[in-house]
Amino acid sequence: QVQLVESGGGLVQPGGSLRLTCAATGIIVGDNIMAWFRQAPGKTREYVASITPGGTTNYAASVKGRFTISRDNAKNSVYLQMNSLKPEDTGVYYCKTGIVSWGQGTQVTVSS
């Protein structure tokens, strides 16, 4: 069964950091374009970052310079390191690739 499971979210103060993990089963993350999306309350889901099989990364303008996407092929996992977090980064974060169904996501709340 193909599944992506997100974890690592939580409550953090503005300026803080979190590291999200996407653990994959049924697919090989190193063979696929892997991406992170997020959905803030009352808003549509939006693209955050992606990484290609060759290691090329891409970021939304709103997170560039603060977030880093990476991959560990041995653990078949993808990560999102989030630094200098802002209240507008609050939302549910999802990992996605191809036609794999959306998972449950992980909640990130940035608040003082």
PDB file of N, CA and C in Angstrom:
ATOM      1  N   GLN A   1       0.844  -1.190   0.000  1.00  0.00           N
ATOM      2  CA  GLN A   1       0.000   0.000   0.000  1.00  0.00           C
ATOM      3  C   GLN A   1       0.880   1.241   0.000  1.00  0.00           C
ATOM      4  N   VAL A   2       0.578   2.172  -0.891  1.00  0.00           N
ATOM      5  CA  VAL A   2       1.343   3.404  -0.974  1.00  0.00           C
ATOM      6  C   VAL A   2       0.800   4.388   0.049  1.00  0.00           C
ATOM      7  N   GLN A   3       1.690   4.897   0.879  1.00  0.00           N
ATOM      8  CA  GLN A   3       1.256   5.787   1.945  1.00  0.00           C
ATOM      9  C   GLN A   3       2.343   6.788   2.279  1.00  0.00           C
ATOM     10  N   LEU A   4       1.923   8.016   2.568  1.00  0.00           N
ATOM     11  CA  LEU A   4       2.817   9.064   3.046  1.00  0.00           C
ATOM     12  C   LEU A   4       2.302   9.504   4.411  1.00  0.00           C
ATOM     13  N   VAL A   5       3.158   9.477   5.412  1.00  0.00           N
ATOM     14  CA  VAL A   5       2.752   9.838   6.765  1.00  0.00           C
ATOM     15  C   VAL A   5       3.602  10.998   7.255  1.00  0.00           C
ATOM     16  N   GLU A   6       2.919  12.097   7.556  1.00  0.00           N
ATOM     17  CA  GLU A   6       3.601  13.300   8.024  1.00  0.00           C
ATOM     18  C   GLU A   6       3.651  13.347   9.550  1.00  0.00           C
ATOM     19  N   SER A   7       4.726  13.928  10.081  1.00  0.00           N
ATOM     20  CA  SER A   7       4.866  14.094  11.523  1.00  0.00           C
ATOM     21  C   SER A   7       5.815  15.249  11.796  1.00  0.00           C
ATOM     22  N   GLY A   8       5.867  15.645  13.070  1.00  0.00           N
ATOM     23  CA  GLY A   8       6.818  16.672  13.482  1.00  0.00           C
ATOM     24  C   GLY A   8       6.229  18.043  13.729  1.00  0.00           C
ATOM     25  N   GLY A   9       4.934  18.199  13.486  1.00  0.00           N
ATOM     26  CA  GLY A   9       4.309  19.491  13.725  1.00  0.00           C
ATOM     27  C   GLY A   9       4.176  19.794  15.207  1.00  0.00           C
ATOM     28  N   GLY A  10       3.714  21.000  15.497  1.00  0.00           N
ATOM     29  CA  GLY A  10       3.523  21.390  16.887  1.00  0.00           C
ATOM     30  C   GLY A  10       3.292  22.879  17.017  1.00  0.00           C
ATOM     31  N   LEU A  11       3.344  23.337  18.253  1.00  0.00           N
ATOM     32  CA  LEU A  11       3.191  24.750  18.568  1.00  0.00           C
ATOM     33  C   LEU A  11       4.568  25.351  18.802  1.00  0.00           C
ATOM     34  N   VAL A  12       4.850  26.442  18.127  1.00  0.00           N
ATOM     35  CA  VAL A  12       6.155  27.087  18.255  1.00  0.00           C
ATOM     36  C   VAL A  12       5.966  28.598  18.239  1.00  0.00           C
ATOM     37  N   GLN A  13       6.849  29.288  18.927  1.00  0.00           N
ATOM     38  CA  GLN A  13       6.777  30.745  18.952  1.00  0.00           C
ATOM     39  C   GLN A  13       7.335  31.337  17.671  1.00  0.00           C
ATOM     40  N   PRO A  14       6.895  32.533  17.313  1.00  0.00           N
ATOM     41  CA  PRO A  14       7.482  33.202  16.142  1.00  0.00           C
ATOM     42  C   PRO A  14       9.006  33.263  16.264  1.00  0.00           C
ATOM     43  N   GLY A  15       9.677  32.978  15.162  1.00  0.00           N
ATOM     44  CA  GLY A  15      11.132  32.932  15.156  1.00  0.00           C
ATOM     45  C   GLY A  15      11.701  31.559  15.449  1.00  0.00           C
ATOM     46  N   GLY A  16      10.854  30.645  15.857  1.00  0.00           N
ATOM     47  CA  GLY A  16      11.310  29.299  16.196  1.00  0.00           C
ATOM     48  C   GLY A  16      11.466  28.403  14.986  1.00  0.00           C
ATOM     49  N   SER A  17      11.784  27.137  15.262  1.00  0.00           N
ATOM     50  CA  SER A  17      12.044  26.159  14.198  1.00  0.00           C
ATOM     51  C   SER A  17      11.287  24.867  14.459  1.00  0.00           C
ATOM     52  N   LEU A  18      10.996  24.178  13.380  1.00  0.00           N
ATOM     53  CA  LEU A  18      10.429  22.833  13.429  1.00  0.00           C
ATOM     54  C   LEU A  18      10.985  22.043  12.258  1.00  0.00           C
ATOM     55  N   ARG A  19      11.030  20.728  12.439  1.00  0.00           N
ATOM     56  CA  ARG A  19      11.445  19.847  11.350  1.00  0.00           C
ATOM     57  C   ARG A  19      10.342  18.824  11.124  1.00  0.00           C
ATOM     58  N   LEU A  20       9.765  18.856   9.933  1.00  0.00           N
ATOM     59  CA  LEU A  20       8.711  17.922   9.574  1.00  0.00           C
ATOM     60  C   LEU A  20       9.310  16.713   8.858  1.00  0.00           C
ATOM     61  N   THR A  21       8.678  15.562   9.078  1.00  0.00           N
ATOM     62  CA  THR A  21       9.106  14.329   8.424  1.00  0.00           C
ATOM     63  C   THR A  21       7.958  13.735   7.631  1.00  0.00           C
ATOM     64  N   CYS A  22       8.280  13.233   6.456  1.00  0.00           N
ATOM     65  CA  CYS A  22       7.322  12.499   5.618  1.00  0.00           C
ATOM     66  C   CYS A  22       7.909  11.111   5.401  1.00  0.00           C
ATOM     67  N   ALA A  23       7.298  10.114   6.021  1.00  0.00           N
ATOM     68  CA  ALA A  23       7.759   8.737   5.889  1.00  0.00           C
ATOM     69  C   ALA A  23       6.928   8.042   4.818  1.00  0.00           C
ATOM     70  N   ALA A  24       7.599   7.471   3.827  1.00  0.00           N
ATOM     71  CA  ALA A  24       6.907   6.860   2.695  1.00  0.00           C
ATOM     72  C   ALA A  24       6.973   5.344   2.748  1.00  0.00           C
ATOM     73  N   THR A  25       5.878   4.714   2.373  1.00  0.00           N
ATOM     74  CA  THR A  25       5.837   3.271   2.187  1.00  0.00           C
ATOM     75  C   THR A  25       5.173   2.995   0.839  1.00  0.00           C
ATOM     76  N   GLY A  26       5.678   1.978   0.153  1.00  0.00           N
ATOM     77  CA  GLY A  26       5.097   1.612  -1.131  1.00  0.00           C
ATOM     78  C   GLY A  26       5.646   2.355  -2.324  1.00  0.00           C
ATOM     79  N   ILE A  27       6.454   3.376  -2.068  1.00  0.00           N
ATOM     80  CA  ILE A  27       7.132   4.099  -3.149  1.00  0.00           C
ATOM     81  C   ILE A  27       8.553   4.394  -2.700  1.00  0.00           C
ATOM     82  N   ILE A  28       9.401   4.728  -3.646  1.00  0.00           N
ATOM     83  CA  ILE A  28      10.784   5.089  -3.336  1.00  0.00           C
ATOM     84  C   ILE A  28      10.909   6.600  -3.513  1.00  0.00           C
ATOM     85  N   VAL A  29      11.146   7.317  -2.422  1.00  0.00           N
ATOM     86  CA  VAL A  29      11.145   8.778  -2.498  1.00  0.00           C
ATOM     87  C   VAL A  29      12.229   9.283  -3.440  1.00  0.00           C
ATOM     88  N   GLY A  30      13.339   8.540  -3.547  1.00  0.00           N
ATOM     89  CA  GLY A  30      14.424   8.975  -4.403  1.00  0.00           C
ATOM     90  C   GLY A  30      14.108   8.878  -5.887  1.00  0.00           C
ATOM     91  N   ASP A  31      13.039   8.203  -6.227  1.00  0.00           N
ATOM     92  CA  ASP A  31      12.654   8.045  -7.633  1.00  0.00           C
ATOM     93  C   ASP A  31      11.530   8.984  -8.041  1.00  0.00           C
ATOM     94  N   ASN A  32      11.076   9.806  -7.114  1.00  0.00           N
ATOM     95  CA  ASN A  32       9.903  10.643  -7.368  1.00  0.00           C
ATOM     96  C   ASN A  32      10.146  12.094  -6.977  1.00  0.00           C
ATOM     97  N   ILE A  33       9.416  12.981  -7.624  1.00  0.00           N
ATOM     98  CA  ILE A  33       9.379  14.370  -7.161  1.00  0.00           C
ATOM     99  C   ILE A  33       8.522  14.389  -5.909  1.00  0.00           C
ATOM    100  N   MET A  34       9.106  14.829  -4.815  1.00  0.00           N
ATOM    101  CA  MET A  34       8.406  14.881  -3.538  1.00  0.00           C
ATOM    102  C   MET A  34       8.169  16.349  -3.180  1.00  0.00           C
ATOM    103  N   ALA A  35       6.988  16.633  -2.671  1.00  0.00           N
ATOM    104  CA  ALA A  35       6.647  18.026  -2.385  1.00  0.00           C
ATOM    105  C   ALA A  35       5.949  18.157  -1.039  1.00  0.00           C
ATOM    106  N   TRP A  36       6.046  19.355  -0.491  1.00  0.00           N
ATOM    107  CA  TRP A  36       5.293  19.746   0.702  1.00  0.00           C
ATOM    108  C   TRP A  36       4.285  20.820   0.291  1.00  0.00           C
ATOM    109  N   PHE A  37       3.090  20.685   0.843  1.00  0.00           N
ATOM    110  CA  PHE A  37       2.041  21.679   0.677  1.00  0.00           C
ATOM    111  C   PHE A  37       1.538  22.054   2.071  1.00  0.00           C
ATOM    112  N   ARG A  38       0.795  23.147   2.155  1.00  0.00           N
ATOM    113  CA  ARG A  38       0.188  23.518   3.431  1.00  0.00           C
ATOM    114  C   ARG A  38      -1.168  24.152   3.178  1.00  0.00           C
ATOM    115  N   GLN A  39      -1.995  24.069   4.217  1.00  0.00           N
ATOM    116  CA  GLN A  39      -3.315  24.673   4.132  1.00  0.00           C
ATOM    117  C   GLN A  39      -3.595  25.418   5.430  1.00  0.00           C
ATOM    118  N   ALA A  40      -3.720  26.725   5.315  1.00  0.00           N
ATOM    119  CA  ALA A  40      -4.042  27.560   6.464  1.00  0.00           C
ATOM    120  C   ALA A  40      -5.558  27.569   6.671  1.00  0.00           C
ATOM    121  N   PRO A  41      -5.996  27.856   7.880  1.00  0.00           N
ATOM    122  CA  PRO A  41      -7.442  27.898   8.147  1.00  0.00           C
ATOM    123  C   PRO A  41      -8.162  28.850   7.200  1.00  0.00           C
ATOM    124  N   GLY A  42      -9.199  28.347   6.542  1.00  0.00           N
ATOM    125  CA  GLY A  42     -10.003  29.179   5.658  1.00  0.00           C
ATOM    126  C   GLY A  42      -9.384  29.482   4.308  1.00  0.00           C
ATOM    127  N   LYS A  43      -8.256  28.848   4.017  1.00  0.00           N
ATOM    128  CA  LYS A  43      -7.567  29.112   2.751  1.00  0.00           C
ATOM    129  C   LYS A  43      -7.390  27.824   1.962  1.00  0.00           C
ATOM    130  N   THR A  44      -7.077  27.979   0.681  1.00  0.00           N
ATOM    131  CA  THR A  44      -6.827  26.797  -0.145  1.00  0.00           C
ATOM    132  C   THR A  44      -5.423  26.259   0.104  1.00  0.00           C
ATOM    133  N   ARG A  45      -5.245  24.986  -0.215  1.00  0.00           N
ATOM    134  CA  ARG A  45      -3.944  24.369  -0.053  1.00  0.00           C
ATOM    135  C   ARG A  45      -2.943  25.013  -1.008  1.00  0.00           C
ATOM    136  N   GLU A  46      -1.714  25.244  -0.536  1.00  0.00           N
ATOM    137  CA  GLU A  46      -0.715  25.888  -1.364  1.00  0.00           C
ATOM    138  C   GLU A  46       0.601  25.131  -1.345  1.00  0.00           C
ATOM    139  N   TYR A  47       1.334  25.283  -2.420  1.00  0.00           N
ATOM    140  CA  TYR A  47       2.646  24.666  -2.581  1.00  0.00           C
ATOM    141  C   TYR A  47       3.661  25.332  -1.668  1.00  0.00           C
ATOM    142  N   VAL A  48       4.544  24.517  -1.086  1.00  0.00           N
ATOM    143  CA  VAL A  48       5.595  25.048  -0.215  1.00  0.00           C
ATOM    144  C   VAL A  48       6.980  24.791  -0.801  1.00  0.00           C
ATOM    145  N   ALA A  49       7.267  23.520  -1.120  1.00  0.00           N
ATOM    146  CA  ALA A  49       8.607  23.177  -1.595  1.00  0.00           C
ATOM    147  C   ALA A  49       8.578  21.811  -2.257  1.00  0.00           C
ATOM    148  N   SER A  50       9.598  21.532  -3.072  1.00  0.00           N
ATOM    149  CA  SER A  50       9.699  20.231  -3.715  1.00  0.00           C
ATOM    150  C   SER A  50      11.157  19.868  -3.960  1.00  0.00           C
ATOM    151  N   ILE A  51      11.388  18.563  -4.163  1.00  0.00           N
ATOM    152  CA  ILE A  51      12.719  18.061  -4.463  1.00  0.00           C
ATOM    153  C   ILE A  51      12.594  16.987  -5.532  1.00  0.00           C
ATOM    154  N   THR A  52      13.449  17.066  -6.548  1.00  0.00           N
ATOM    155  CA  THR A  52      13.401  16.113  -7.649  1.00  0.00           C
ATOM    156  C   THR A  52      14.295  14.904  -7.357  1.00  0.00           C
ATOM    157  N   PRO A  53      14.180  13.842  -8.136  1.00  0.00           N
ATOM    158  CA  PRO A  53      15.083  12.697  -7.953  1.00  0.00           C
ATOM    159  C   PRO A  53      16.555  13.088  -8.061  1.00  0.00           C
ATOM    160  N   GLY A  54      16.849  14.106  -8.850  1.00  0.00           N
ATOM    161  CA  GLY A  54      18.221  14.557  -9.002  1.00  0.00           C
ATOM    162  C   GLY A  54      18.686  15.470  -7.889  1.00  0.00           C
ATOM    163  N   GLY A  55      17.774  15.827  -7.000  1.00  0.00           N
ATOM    164  CA  GLY A  55      18.141  16.659  -5.856  1.00  0.00           C
ATOM    165  C   GLY A  55      17.877  18.147  -6.039  1.00  0.00           C
ATOM    166  N   THR A  56      17.310  18.524  -7.167  1.00  0.00           N
ATOM    167  CA  THR A  56      16.982  19.933  -7.373  1.00  0.00           C
ATOM    168  C   THR A  56      15.810  20.322  -6.484  1.00  0.00           C
ATOM    169  N   THR A  57      15.966  21.431  -5.792  1.00  0.00           N
ATOM    170  CA  THR A  57      14.910  21.901  -4.887  1.00  0.00           C
ATOM    171  C   THR A  57      14.267  23.174  -5.411  1.00  0.00           C
ATOM    172  N   ASN A  58      13.032  23.379  -5.002  1.00  0.00           N
ATOM    173  CA  ASN A  58      12.297  24.580  -5.402  1.00  0.00           C
ATOM    174  C   ASN A  58      11.418  24.995  -4.234  1.00  0.00           C
ATOM    175  N   TYR A  59      11.221  26.311  -4.085  1.00  0.00           N
ATOM    176  CA  TYR A  59      10.478  26.824  -2.938  1.00  0.00           C
ATOM    177  C   TYR A  59       9.496  27.901  -3.360  1.00  0.00           C
ATOM    178  N   ALA A  60       8.409  27.983  -2.614  1.00  0.00           N
ATOM    179  CA  ALA A  60       7.511  29.116  -2.765  1.00  0.00           C
ATOM    180  C   ALA A  60       8.233  30.365  -2.285  1.00  0.00           C
ATOM    181  N   ALA A  61       7.899  31.482  -2.881  1.00  0.00           N
ATOM    182  CA  ALA A  61       8.574  32.735  -2.538  1.00  0.00           C
ATOM    183  C   ALA A  61       8.421  33.065  -1.055  1.00  0.00           C
ATOM    184  N   SER A  62       7.293  32.673  -0.483  1.00  0.00           N
ATOM    185  CA  SER A  62       7.002  33.029   0.905  1.00  0.00           C
ATOM    186  C   SER A  62       7.883  32.292   1.917  1.00  0.00           C
ATOM    187  N   VAL A  63       8.523  31.195   1.503  1.00  0.00           N
ATOM    188  CA  VAL A  63       9.335  30.413   2.443  1.00  0.00           C
ATOM    189  C   VAL A  63      10.802  30.350   2.041  1.00  0.00           C
ATOM    190  N   LYS A  64      11.130  30.850   0.865  1.00  0.00           N
ATOM    191  CA  LYS A  64      12.499  30.758   0.372  1.00  0.00           C
ATOM    192  C   LYS A  64      13.456  31.459   1.331  1.00  0.00           C
ATOM    193  N   GLY A  65      14.545  30.769   1.651  1.00  0.00           N
ATOM    194  CA  GLY A  65      15.522  31.313   2.581  1.00  0.00           C
ATOM    195  C   GLY A  65      15.252  30.945   4.028  1.00  0.00           C
ATOM    196  N   ARG A  66      14.063  30.431   4.310  1.00  0.00           N
ATOM    197  CA  ARG A  66      13.707  30.040   5.685  1.00  0.00           C
ATOM    198  C   ARG A  66      13.484  28.529   5.806  1.00  0.00           C
ATOM    199  N   PHE A  67      12.960  27.915   4.756  1.00  0.00           N
ATOM    200  CA  PHE A  67      12.652  26.484   4.776  1.00  0.00           C
ATOM    201  C   PHE A  67      13.650  25.741   3.888  1.00  0.00           C
ATOM    202  N   THR A  68      13.933  24.490   4.279  1.00  0.00           N
ATOM    203  CA  THR A  68      14.807  23.631   3.483  1.00  0.00           C
ATOM    204  C   THR A  68      14.188  22.246   3.361  1.00  0.00           C
ATOM    205  N   ILE A  69      14.009  21.791   2.128  1.00  0.00           N
ATOM    206  CA  ILE A  69      13.517  20.432   1.884  1.00  0.00           C
ATOM    207  C   ILE A  69      14.711  19.529   1.633  1.00  0.00           C
ATOM    208  N   SER A  70      14.648  18.317   2.177  1.00  0.00           N
ATOM    209  CA  SER A  70      15.734  17.356   1.976  1.00  0.00           C
ATOM    210  C   SER A  70      15.164  15.948   1.963  1.00  0.00           C
ATOM    211  N   ARG A  71      16.056  14.994   1.660  1.00  0.00           N
ATOM    212  CA  ARG A  71      15.593  13.611   1.493  1.00  0.00           C
ATOM    213  C   ARG A  71      16.646  12.661   2.044  1.00  0.00           C
ATOM    214  N   ASP A  72      16.200  11.592   2.678  1.00  0.00           N
ATOM    215  CA  ASP A  72      17.098  10.532   3.142  1.00  0.00           C
ATOM    216  C   ASP A  72      16.644   9.247   2.467  1.00  0.00           C
ATOM    217  N   ASN A  73      17.373   8.843   1.439  1.00  0.00           N
ATOM    218  CA  ASN A  73      16.961   7.658   0.683  1.00  0.00           C
ATOM    219  C   ASN A  73      17.016   6.394   1.535  1.00  0.00           C
ATOM    220  N   ALA A  74      17.964   6.317   2.444  1.00  0.00           N
ATOM    221  CA  ALA A  74      18.092   5.130   3.286  1.00  0.00           C
ATOM    222  C   ALA A  74      16.870   4.954   4.189  1.00  0.00           C
ATOM    223  N   LYS A  75      16.311   6.079   4.632  1.00  0.00           N
ATOM    224  CA  LYS A  75      15.128   6.031   5.491  1.00  0.00           C
ATOM    225  C   LYS A  75      13.843   6.186   4.688  1.00  0.00           C
ATOM    226  N   ASN A  76      13.999   6.379   3.369  1.00  0.00           N
ATOM    227  CA  ASN A  76      12.846   6.582   2.499  1.00  0.00           C
ATOM    228  C   ASN A  76      11.926   7.671   3.038  1.00  0.00           C
ATOM    229  N   SER A  77      12.538   8.772   3.410  1.00  0.00           N
ATOM    230  CA  SER A  77      11.800   9.874   4.026  1.00  0.00           C
ATOM    231  C   SER A  77      12.209  11.216   3.426  1.00  0.00           C
ATOM    232  N   VAL A  78      11.298  12.158   3.528  1.00  0.00           N
ATOM    233  CA  VAL A  78      11.534  13.522   3.091  1.00  0.00           C
ATOM    234  C   VAL A  78      11.307  14.435   4.287  1.00  0.00           C
ATOM    235  N   TYR A  79      12.086  15.500   4.364  1.00  0.00           N
ATOM    236  CA  TYR A  79      12.031  16.392   5.517  1.00  0.00           C
ATOM    237  C   TYR A  79      11.770  17.834   5.065  1.00  0.00           C
ATOM    238  N   LEU A  80      11.224  18.613   5.986  1.00  0.00           N
ATOM    239  CA  LEU A  80      11.088  20.047   5.768  1.00  0.00           C
ATOM    240  C   LEU A  80      11.579  20.744   7.025  1.00  0.00           C
ATOM    241  N   GLN A  81      12.757  21.344   6.932  1.00  0.00           N
ATOM    242  CA  GLN A  81      13.302  22.126   8.038  1.00  0.00           C
ATOM    243  C   GLN A  81      12.761  23.545   7.917  1.00  0.00           C
ATOM    244  N   MET A  82      12.081  23.985   8.951  1.00  0.00           N
ATOM    245  CA  MET A  82      11.446  25.306   8.931  1.00  0.00           C
ATOM    246  C   MET A  82      12.072  26.174  10.004  1.00  0.00           C
ATOM    247  N   ASN A  83      12.711  27.250   9.587  1.00  0.00           N
ATOM    248  CA  ASN A  83      13.341  28.195  10.507  1.00  0.00           C
ATOM    249  C   ASN A  83      12.672  29.556  10.403  1.00  0.00           C
ATOM    250  N   SER A  84      12.930  30.381  11.379  1.00  0.00           N
ATOM    251  CA  SER A  84      12.380  31.750  11.403  1.00  0.00           C
ATOM    252  C   SER A  84      10.876  31.743  11.126  1.00  0.00           C
ATOM    253  N   LEU A  85      10.194  30.875  11.830  1.00  0.00           N
ATOM    254  CA  LEU A  85       8.757  30.703  11.579  1.00  0.00           C
ATOM    255  C   LEU A  85       7.969  31.958  11.912  1.00  0.00           C
ATOM    256  N   LYS A  86       6.915  32.180  11.122  1.00  0.00           N
ATOM    257  CA  LYS A  86       6.045  33.342  11.274  1.00  0.00           C
ATOM    258  C   LYS A  86       4.611  32.859  11.526  1.00  0.00           C
ATOM    259  N   PRO A  87       3.791  33.680  12.130  1.00  0.00           N
ATOM    260  CA  PRO A  87       2.391  33.273  12.353  1.00  0.00           C
ATOM    261  C   PRO A  87       1.691  32.861  11.054  1.00  0.00           C
ATOM    262  N   GLU A  88       2.051  33.482   9.945  1.00  0.00           N
ATOM    263  CA  GLU A  88       1.426  33.124   8.670  1.00  0.00           C
ATOM    264  C   GLU A  88       1.864  31.771   8.124  1.00  0.00           C
ATOM    265  N   ASP A  89       2.816  31.124   8.792  1.00  0.00           N
ATOM    266  CA  ASP A  89       3.202  29.759   8.422  1.00  0.00           C
ATOM    267  C   ASP A  89       2.269  28.722   9.061  1.00  0.00           C
ATOM    268  N   THR A  90       1.374  29.170   9.898  1.00  0.00           N
ATOM    269  CA  THR A  90       0.432  28.265  10.565  1.00  0.00           C
ATOM    270  C   THR A  90      -0.442  27.544   9.547  1.00  0.00           C
ATOM    271  N   GLY A  91      -0.627  26.240   9.765  1.00  0.00           N
ATOM    272  CA  GLY A  91      -1.477  25.461   8.889  1.00  0.00           C
ATOM    273  C   GLY A  91      -1.186  23.981   9.028  1.00  0.00           C
ATOM    274  N   VAL A  92      -1.913  23.194   8.249  1.00  0.00           N
ATOM    275  CA  VAL A  92      -1.651  21.760   8.186  1.00  0.00           C
ATOM    276  C   VAL A  92      -0.713  21.519   7.005  1.00  0.00           C
ATOM    277  N   TYR A  93       0.361  20.826   7.273  1.00  0.00           N
ATOM    278  CA  TYR A  93       1.385  20.562   6.256  1.00  0.00           C
ATOM    279  C   TYR A  93       1.259  19.128   5.750  1.00  0.00           C
ATOM    280  N   TYR A  94       1.293  19.004   4.429  1.00  0.00           N
ATOM    281  CA  TYR A  94       1.121  17.717   3.768  1.00  0.00           C
ATOM    282  C   TYR A  94       2.307  17.399   2.872  1.00  0.00           C
ATOM    283  N   CYS A  95       2.615  16.125   2.807  1.00  0.00           N
ATOM    284  CA  CYS A  95       3.610  15.612   1.874  1.00  0.00           C
ATOM    285  C   CYS A  95       2.856  15.035   0.684  1.00  0.00           C
ATOM    286  N   LYS A  96       3.418  15.171  -0.531  1.00  0.00           N
ATOM    287  CA  LYS A  96       2.678  14.710  -1.713  1.00  0.00           C
ATOM    288  C   LYS A  96       3.640  14.303  -2.808  1.00  0.00           C
ATOM    289  N   THR A  97       3.222  13.276  -3.555  1.00  0.00           N
ATOM    290  CA  THR A  97       3.910  12.921  -4.782  1.00  0.00           C
ATOM    291  C   THR A  97       2.918  12.276  -5.720  1.00  0.00           C
ATOM    292  N   GLY A  98       2.982  12.637  -6.996  1.00  0.00           N
ATOM    293  CA  GLY A  98       2.176  12.032  -8.032  1.00  0.00           C
ATOM    294  C   GLY A  98       0.718  11.862  -7.657  1.00  0.00           C
ATOM    295  N   ILE A  99       0.214  10.640  -7.880  1.00  0.00           N
ATOM    296  CA  ILE A  99      -1.204  10.373  -7.659  1.00  0.00           C
ATOM    297  C   ILE A  99      -1.472   9.784  -6.275  1.00  0.00           C
ATOM    298  N   VAL A 100      -0.449   9.754  -5.430  1.00  0.00           N
ATOM    299  CA  VAL A 100      -0.652   9.237  -4.080  1.00  0.00           C
ATOM    300  C   VAL A 100      -1.641  10.133  -3.345  1.00  0.00           C
ATOM    301  N   SER A 101      -2.582   9.523  -2.655  1.00  0.00           N
ATOM    302  CA  SER A 101      -3.608  10.287  -1.948  1.00  0.00           C
ATOM    303  C   SER A 101      -3.013  11.172  -0.861  1.00  0.00           C
ATOM    304  N   TRP A 102      -3.698  12.263  -0.590  1.00  0.00           N
ATOM    305  CA  TRP A 102      -3.284  13.143   0.502  1.00  0.00           C
ATOM    306  C   TRP A 102      -3.381  12.386   1.822  1.00  0.00           C
ATOM    307  N   GLY A 103      -2.395  12.611   2.698  1.00  0.00           N
ATOM    308  CA  GLY A 103      -2.424  12.008   4.015  1.00  0.00           C
ATOM    309  C   GLY A 103      -3.155  12.892   4.999  1.00  0.00           C
ATOM    310  N   GLN A 104      -2.940  12.617   6.286  1.00  0.00           N
ATOM    311  CA  GLN A 104      -3.609  13.379   7.341  1.00  0.00           C
ATOM    312  C   GLN A 104      -2.948  14.723   7.572  1.00  0.00           C
ATOM    313  N   GLY A 105      -1.698  14.825   7.207  1.00  0.00           N
ATOM    314  CA  GLY A 105      -0.972  16.063   7.443  1.00  0.00           C
ATOM    315  C   GLY A 105      -0.527  16.193   8.888  1.00  0.00           C
ATOM    316  N   THR A 106       0.238  17.242   9.143  1.00  0.00           N
ATOM    317  CA  THR A 106       0.687  17.526  10.501  1.00  0.00           C
ATOM    318  C   THR A 106       0.479  19.018  10.772  1.00  0.00           C
ATOM    319  N   GLN A 107      -0.084  19.324  11.922  1.00  0.00           N
ATOM    320  CA  GLN A 107      -0.455  20.699  12.253  1.00  0.00           C
ATOM    321  C   GLN A 107       0.756  21.484  12.751  1.00  0.00           C
ATOM    322  N   VAL A 108       0.940  22.646  12.161  1.00  0.00           N
ATOM    323  CA  VAL A 108       1.972  23.580  12.609  1.00  0.00           C
ATOM    324  C   VAL A 108       1.277  24.859  13.046  1.00  0.00           C
ATOM    325  N   THR A 109       1.533  25.267  14.281  1.00  0.00           N
ATOM    326  CA  THR A 109       0.940  26.493  14.801  1.00  0.00           C
ATOM    327  C   THR A 109       2.055  27.400  15.297  1.00  0.00           C
ATOM    328  N   VAL A 110       2.117  28.593  14.731  1.00  0.00           N
ATOM    329  CA  VAL A 110       3.137  29.567  15.127  1.00  0.00           C
ATOM    330  C   VAL A 110       2.425  30.702  15.850  1.00  0.00           C
ATOM    331  N   SER A 111       2.663  30.772  17.150  1.00  0.00           N
ATOM    332  CA  SER A 111       1.948  31.750  17.960  1.00  0.00           C
ATOM    333  C   SER A 111       2.697  32.016  19.247  1.00  0.00           C
ATOM    334  N   SER A 112       2.577  33.233  19.740  1.00  0.00           N
ATOM    335  CA  SER A 112       3.193  33.569  21.013  1.00  0.00           C
ATOM    336  C   SER A 112       2.179  33.411  22.146  1.00  0.00           C
TER     337      SER A 112
END
